[in-house]
Amino acid sequence: MPPVENALRTLPDIAKEVKPFVAGTLEWVGMGEIEVPISLADQAGRTVQSGARVTAYVNLNKPEVRGIHMSRLYLHVDSVLTNEPLTPCSLRRLLREFLESHADLSDRAMVRIQFNHLVRRPALMSDNSGWKSYPIAITGVMDKGQFCMEIATEVVYSSTCPCSAALARQLIQERFALDFAAGKPVDYEKMMSWLGSEEGICATPHSQRSSAEVRVKLVPSFGFPIIEIIDAVEDALQTPVQTAVKRVDEQAFAKLNGANLMFCEDAARRIQSTLNHDERITDFWVRASHYESLHPHNAVAIATKGVLNGFQAGSESFGHLGHG
């Protein structure tokens, strides 16, 4: 049999030619975990590159059509995200290209870009600094011509329990009453030594690493204020985890924890108050999780802006942050 010339071959297109076994419209169809490099402008105007994983979806409006054009989504993602910095304009254009390439099938498109954003942070007191990695997810949706976008991130911080702190203070008071008789003069040097001893400060409050997951819906014209949002959350909490730490930094961190005792409810309200005053944010969802050292279950508080038809307390992140 003579070989078939490539120019004369017609490859089968099952998605186009074969009807579905069961007809029906689909809310989202597409590709997940597309690996692609992205670039973003940082606060200093420099371009920062990161490796990202992208989810690209369109809806399928035609119940009688077997499938969408998956390869078109991939090629659009590669073309736009690889060759230019990520901005609201490029995100909007990418979604329009999704829809133009599926004009007969779809009227909604979504893209979600997940990556880790490295930021260099100074130490609290010393001249040192170090890198912190923040998981970021940027999501854009085009729905019947209307564009919206959101940023999700996670800030890790330390929380010291107010109840535990009060219980520890009570034990220290009781120990003081035992070691220093009431009504008698207190020797200054002896008391200073006592305050610096493990016998005197006989109890300490429990602290734990904690997490604030934040989703914000943005006014598109404001760009991607990633670091500004992270800084606002960390400033509200006052106790973000550190990078390079010498003893002077550790002492400063202990002081910050003592000045910012908080339950998960306090943490959620602090972030809620901060985000409520940011004109770039039209809606938000916050979950403060304290990974308790007292018991094996977490303490959790959730807050939203309270926008009609907006984020609800039961909302969850689309997937989860990071590269999982």
Protein backbone atom coordinates (compact mmCIF):
# COMPACT_ATOMS: atom_id res chain seq x y z
CA MET A 1 0.00 0.00 0.00
CA PRO A 2 1.49 3.38 -0.95
CA PRO A 3 2.10 5.84 1.93
CA VAL A 4 -0.57 8.47 2.53
CA GLU A 5 0.71 11.97 1.84
CA ASN A 6 0.54 14.19 4.94
CA ALA A 7 -0.94 17.01 2.89
CA LEU A 8 -3.92 14.84 2.01
CA ARG A 9 -4.59 13.51 5.49
CA THR A 10 -7.62 14.69 7.43
CA LEU A 11 -7.31 14.07 11.15
CA PRO A 12 -10.52 13.05 12.90
CA ASP A 13 -12.09 15.61 15.23
CA ILE A 14 -14.23 13.53 17.57
CA ALA A 15 -15.18 16.46 19.79
CA LYS A 16 -16.70 18.20 16.78
CA GLU A 17 -18.07 15.25 14.86
CA VAL A 18 -19.54 13.01 17.56
CA LYS A 19 -22.57 13.93 19.64
CA PRO A 20 -22.33 13.57 23.45
CA PHE A 21 -23.70 10.44 25.09
CA VAL A 22 -25.81 12.69 27.34
CA ALA A 23 -26.68 16.22 26.24
CA GLY A 24 -26.26 19.11 28.66
CA THR A 25 -24.65 22.50 29.23
CA LEU A 26 -21.55 22.75 31.43
CA GLU A 27 -20.57 25.61 33.73
CA TRP A 28 -16.81 25.25 33.21
CA VAL A 29 -14.65 23.18 30.89
CA GLY A 30 -10.96 23.64 30.27
CA MET A 31 -7.45 22.90 31.45
CA GLY A 32 -5.78 22.96 34.86
CA GLU A 33 -2.17 23.04 36.03
CA ILE A 34 -0.79 24.65 32.87
CA GLU A 35 2.86 25.44 33.60
CA VAL A 36 4.01 28.82 32.33
CA PRO A 37 6.41 31.62 33.36
CA ILE A 38 4.84 34.97 34.23
CA SER A 39 6.26 38.42 34.89
CA LEU A 40 4.94 41.15 37.16
CA ALA A 41 6.09 44.67 37.89
CA ASP A 42 7.11 45.12 41.55
CA GLN A 43 6.77 48.27 43.68
CA ALA A 44 10.10 49.60 42.39
CA GLY A 45 9.01 49.19 38.78
CA ARG A 46 11.25 46.17 38.19
CA THR A 47 9.98 43.07 36.39
CA VAL A 48 9.83 39.96 38.58
CA GLN A 49 9.46 36.53 37.02
CA SER A 50 7.82 33.51 38.64
CA GLY A 51 6.80 30.03 37.61
CA ALA A 52 3.03 29.75 37.59
CA ARG A 53 0.29 27.16 37.22
CA VAL A 54 -2.75 28.28 35.30
CA THR A 55 -6.36 27.14 35.16
CA ALA A 56 -8.18 28.14 31.96
CA TYR A 57 -11.93 27.59 31.54
CA VAL A 58 -14.87 28.51 29.35
CA ASN A 59 -18.47 27.42 29.73
CA LEU A 60 -20.16 25.13 27.23
CA ASN A 61 -23.53 26.51 26.21
CA LYS A 62 -24.35 24.05 23.45
CA PRO A 63 -25.79 20.87 25.00
CA GLU A 64 -25.43 18.97 21.73
CA VAL A 65 -21.68 19.67 21.37
CA ARG A 66 -19.27 17.00 22.66
CA GLY A 67 -16.44 19.29 23.83
CA ILE A 68 -14.56 22.58 23.59
CA HIS A 69 -11.26 23.41 21.86
CA MET A 70 -8.81 22.67 24.67
CA SER A 71 -5.66 23.38 22.66
CA ARG A 72 -6.84 26.90 21.86
CA LEU A 73 -6.98 27.76 25.56
CA TYR A 74 -3.46 26.48 26.08
CA LEU A 75 -2.05 28.43 23.12
CA HIS A 76 -3.71 31.66 24.25
CA VAL A 77 -2.32 31.22 27.79
CA ASP A 78 1.17 30.58 26.44
CA SER A 79 1.07 33.49 24.01
CA VAL A 80 -0.20 36.16 26.40
CA LEU A 81 1.40 35.21 29.72
CA THR A 82 4.81 34.30 28.32
CA ASN A 83 5.34 37.38 26.16
CA GLU A 84 4.17 40.31 28.29
CA PRO A 85 3.83 41.38 31.94
CA LEU A 86 0.67 40.36 33.72
CA THR A 87 -1.70 43.33 34.09
CA PRO A 88 -5.48 43.74 34.30
CA CYS A 89 -5.41 44.69 30.59
CA SER A 90 -3.52 41.56 29.54
CA LEU A 91 -5.79 39.44 31.75
CA ARG A 92 -8.90 40.94 30.15
CA ARG A 93 -7.49 40.42 26.67
CA LEU A 94 -6.65 36.79 27.44
CA LEU A 95 -10.25 36.13 28.48
CA ARG A 96 -11.55 37.81 25.33
CA GLU A 97 -9.30 35.56 23.24
CA PHE A 98 -10.74 32.54 25.05
CA LEU A 99 -14.23 33.65 24.10
CA GLU A 100 -13.41 34.70 20.54
CA SER A 101 -11.94 31.26 19.89
CA HIS A 102 -15.13 29.68 21.31
CA ALA A 103 -17.65 32.18 19.95
CA ASP A 104 -20.08 29.47 18.92
CA LEU A 105 -19.87 27.63 22.26
CA SER A 106 -19.25 29.97 25.19
CA ASP A 107 -20.14 33.35 26.72
CA ARG A 108 -18.16 33.04 29.98
CA ALA A 109 -14.42 32.56 30.54
CA MET A 110 -12.19 32.25 33.58
CA VAL A 111 -8.45 32.16 34.17
CA ARG A 112 -6.67 31.57 37.48
CA ILE A 113 -2.93 32.12 37.83
CA GLN A 114 -1.18 30.65 40.88
CA PHE A 115 2.40 31.38 41.86
CA ASN A 116 4.65 32.12 44.82
CA HIS A 117 5.72 35.74 45.18
CA LEU A 118 9.09 36.27 46.88
CA VAL A 119 9.55 39.49 48.86
CA ARG A 120 12.65 40.57 50.75
CA ARG A 121 11.76 41.66 54.28
CA PRO A 122 13.94 43.55 56.79
CA ALA A 123 14.50 42.22 60.30
CA LEU A 124 12.70 43.98 63.14
CA MET A 125 15.77 45.47 64.78
CA SER A 126 19.02 44.19 63.28
CA ASP A 127 20.42 45.16 59.89
CA ASN A 128 19.60 41.75 58.42
CA SER A 129 16.90 40.83 55.92
CA GLY A 130 15.53 37.69 54.31
CA TRP A 131 13.08 36.34 51.76
CA LYS A 132 9.43 35.56 52.42
CA SER A 133 7.30 33.62 49.97
CA TYR A 134 3.60 34.46 49.66
CA PRO A 135 1.23 32.18 47.71
CA ILE A 136 -0.76 34.25 45.23
CA ALA A 137 -3.76 33.44 43.06
CA ILE A 138 -5.01 35.99 40.52
CA THR A 139 -8.39 35.16 39.03
CA GLY A 140 -10.15 36.90 36.16
CA VAL A 141 -13.66 36.21 34.89
CA MET A 142 -15.41 37.51 31.78
CA ASP A 143 -19.16 36.94 32.04
CA LYS A 144 -21.29 38.14 29.13
CA GLY A 145 -18.92 41.06 28.54
CA GLN A 146 -18.45 41.99 32.21
CA PHE A 147 -14.90 41.67 33.55
CA CYS A 148 -14.01 41.16 37.21
CA MET A 149 -10.84 40.04 38.96
CA GLU A 150 -9.65 39.05 42.41
CA ILE A 151 -6.45 38.33 44.29
CA ALA A 152 -6.09 35.64 46.95
CA THR A 153 -3.13 35.29 49.27
CA GLU A 154 -2.12 33.94 52.67
CA VAL A 155 -0.26 35.74 55.46
CA VAL A 156 1.35 33.72 58.25
CA TYR A 157 1.59 35.36 61.66
CA SER A 158 2.00 34.63 65.36
CA SER A 159 -0.92 34.77 67.79
CA THR A 160 -0.69 34.78 71.57
CA CYS A 161 -3.84 33.77 73.43
CA PRO A 162 -5.30 36.54 75.66
CA CYS A 163 -6.93 33.98 77.97
CA SER A 164 -3.69 32.07 78.40
CA ALA A 165 -1.85 35.34 79.06
CA ALA A 166 -4.31 36.26 81.84
CA LEU A 167 -4.00 32.82 83.43
CA ALA A 168 -0.20 33.08 83.31
CA ARG A 169 -0.28 36.52 84.94
CA GLN A 170 -2.45 35.13 87.74
CA LEU A 171 0.05 32.36 88.46
CA ILE A 172 2.90 34.89 88.52
CA GLN A 173 0.93 37.04 90.98
CA GLU A 174 0.35 34.02 93.22
CA ARG A 175 4.04 33.12 93.08
CA PHE A 176 4.95 36.71 93.94
CA ALA A 177 2.67 36.58 96.97
CA LEU A 178 4.47 33.44 98.16
CA ASP A 179 7.98 34.79 97.59
CA PHE A 180 7.42 38.32 98.91
CA ALA A 181 5.56 38.65 102.19
CA ALA A 182 2.74 41.18 102.21
CA GLY A 183 3.36 44.37 104.15
CA LYS A 184 7.13 44.02 104.20
CA PRO A 185 9.55 46.20 102.24
CA VAL A 186 10.57 44.73 98.87
CA ASP A 187 14.28 44.69 98.10
CA TYR A 188 14.73 46.21 94.63
CA GLU A 189 17.68 44.04 93.61
CA LYS A 190 15.97 40.89 94.86
CA MET A 191 12.79 41.74 92.97
CA MET A 192 14.69 42.48 89.74
CA SER A 193 16.43 39.13 90.02
CA TRP A 194 13.10 37.43 90.70
CA LEU A 195 11.50 39.02 87.61
CA GLY A 196 14.33 37.68 85.47
CA SER A 197 14.14 34.13 86.78
CA GLU A 198 12.19 31.07 85.68
CA GLU A 199 11.08 30.63 89.29
CA GLY A 200 9.50 34.09 89.31
CA ILE A 201 7.98 34.08 85.83
CA CYS A 202 6.61 30.61 86.43
CA ALA A 203 4.04 30.58 83.59
CA THR A 204 3.92 31.84 80.02
CA PRO A 205 0.97 32.18 77.63
CA HIS A 206 0.77 29.86 74.66
CA SER A 207 1.38 31.18 71.16
CA GLN A 208 1.01 29.54 67.79
CA ARG A 209 1.74 30.07 64.13
CA SER A 210 -1.46 31.31 62.51
CA SER A 211 -2.74 31.96 59.01
CA ALA A 212 -4.87 34.65 57.41
CA GLU A 213 -6.32 33.62 54.05
CA VAL A 214 -7.56 36.64 52.13
CA ARG A 215 -9.57 37.01 48.93
CA VAL A 216 -10.22 40.48 47.57
CA LYS A 217 -12.30 41.50 44.57
CA LEU A 218 -10.69 44.50 42.91
CA VAL A 219 -11.68 47.50 40.86
CA PRO A 220 -9.93 46.54 37.58
CA SER A 221 -8.37 49.98 36.98
CA PHE A 222 -6.19 49.70 40.09
CA GLY A 223 -3.86 47.00 38.75
CA PHE A 224 -2.54 44.23 40.98
CA PRO A 225 -1.69 45.75 44.39
CA ILE A 226 -0.30 42.46 45.70
CA ILE A 227 2.33 43.79 48.10
CA GLU A 228 0.11 46.66 49.25
CA ILE A 229 -2.60 44.20 50.29
CA ILE A 230 -0.11 41.91 52.04
CA ASP A 231 1.45 44.87 53.85
CA ALA A 232 -1.97 46.11 54.94
CA VAL A 233 -2.86 42.70 56.41
CA GLU A 234 0.50 42.35 58.17
CA ASP A 235 0.25 45.88 59.56
CA ALA A 236 -3.22 45.11 60.89
CA LEU A 237 -2.00 41.95 62.64
CA GLN A 238 1.36 43.39 63.79
CA THR A 239 2.94 39.94 64.28
CA PRO A 240 3.83 38.50 60.84
CA VAL A 241 6.43 35.73 60.96
CA GLN A 242 10.01 36.88 60.41
CA THR A 243 12.91 35.83 58.19
CA ALA A 244 16.42 36.65 59.44
CA VAL A 245 16.29 36.72 63.26
CA LYS A 246 18.99 37.64 65.79
CA ARG A 247 18.29 37.78 69.52
CA VAL A 248 17.47 41.48 69.35
CA ASP A 249 14.86 40.69 66.65
CA GLU A 250 13.44 37.81 68.67
CA GLN A 251 13.05 40.08 71.68
CA ALA A 252 11.28 42.69 69.56
CA PHE A 253 9.00 39.96 68.23
CA ALA A 254 8.18 38.85 71.79
CA LYS A 255 7.29 42.45 72.62
CA LEU A 256 4.99 42.68 69.59
CA ASN A 257 3.24 39.47 70.63
CA GLY A 258 2.76 40.80 74.15
CA ALA A 259 1.28 44.04 72.81
CA ASN A 260 -1.02 42.24 70.37
CA LEU A 261 -2.70 39.42 72.28
CA MET A 262 -5.48 38.10 70.06
CA PHE A 263 -8.07 35.46 69.55
CA CYS A 264 -8.88 34.42 65.99
CA GLU A 265 -11.91 36.71 66.25
CA ASP A 266 -9.61 39.67 66.96
CA ALA A 267 -7.40 38.82 63.99
CA ALA A 268 -10.35 38.54 61.58
CA ARG A 269 -11.80 41.85 62.77
CA ARG A 270 -8.47 43.64 62.44
CA ILE A 271 -8.16 42.56 58.81
CA GLN A 272 -11.84 43.27 58.16
CA SER A 273 -11.47 46.84 59.42
CA THR A 274 -8.38 47.45 57.30
CA LEU A 275 -9.86 46.09 54.07
CA ASN A 276 -13.14 47.97 54.62
CA HIS A 277 -11.24 51.24 54.20
CA ASP A 278 -9.44 50.31 50.96
CA GLU A 279 -11.18 51.92 47.97
CA ARG A 280 -9.51 49.47 45.57
CA ILE A 281 -11.44 46.56 47.11
CA THR A 282 -15.09 46.03 46.27
CA ASP A 283 -15.50 42.81 48.28
CA PHE A 284 -13.40 40.51 50.44
CA TRP A 285 -13.36 37.22 52.31
CA VAL A 286 -11.01 36.54 55.24
CA ARG A 287 -10.35 33.38 57.24
CA ALA A 288 -8.13 33.60 60.33
CA SER A 289 -6.97 30.16 61.49
CA HIS A 290 -5.02 29.72 64.72
CA TYR A 291 -3.22 26.37 64.77
CA GLU A 292 -3.56 25.94 68.50
CA SER A 293 -0.70 24.68 70.64
CA LEU A 294 -3.18 23.97 73.48
CA HIS A 295 -5.25 21.38 71.61
CA PRO A 296 -5.12 19.55 68.24
CA HIS A 297 -7.97 21.46 66.59
CA ASN A 298 -7.85 24.96 65.12
CA ALA A 299 -9.63 28.13 66.16
CA VAL A 300 -11.17 29.78 63.07
CA ALA A 301 -12.96 33.06 62.35
CA ILE A 302 -14.32 34.21 58.97
CA ALA A 303 -15.24 37.75 57.94
CA THR A 304 -16.57 39.34 54.76
CA LYS A 305 -17.36 42.85 53.59
CA GLY A 306 -21.07 42.06 53.61
CA VAL A 307 -21.78 43.04 50.01
CA LEU A 308 -25.18 42.03 48.62
CA ASN A 309 -24.67 38.89 46.49
CA GLY A 310 -20.97 39.04 47.34
CA PHE A 311 -18.67 36.69 49.21
CA GLN A 312 -20.41 34.64 51.86
CA ALA A 313 -18.93 33.32 55.11
CA GLY A 314 -19.12 29.79 53.74
CA SER A 315 -17.17 30.67 50.60
CA GLU A 316 -13.91 28.87 50.02
CA SER A 317 -10.92 29.66 47.87
CA PHE A 318 -11.09 28.29 44.32
CA GLY A 319 -8.91 25.25 44.98
CA HIS A 320 -6.22 26.29 47.43
CA LEU A 321 -3.30 28.64 47.36
CA GLY A 322 0.17 27.63 46.31
CA HIS A 323 1.10 24.98 43.76
CA GLY A 324 -0.94 22.09 45.03
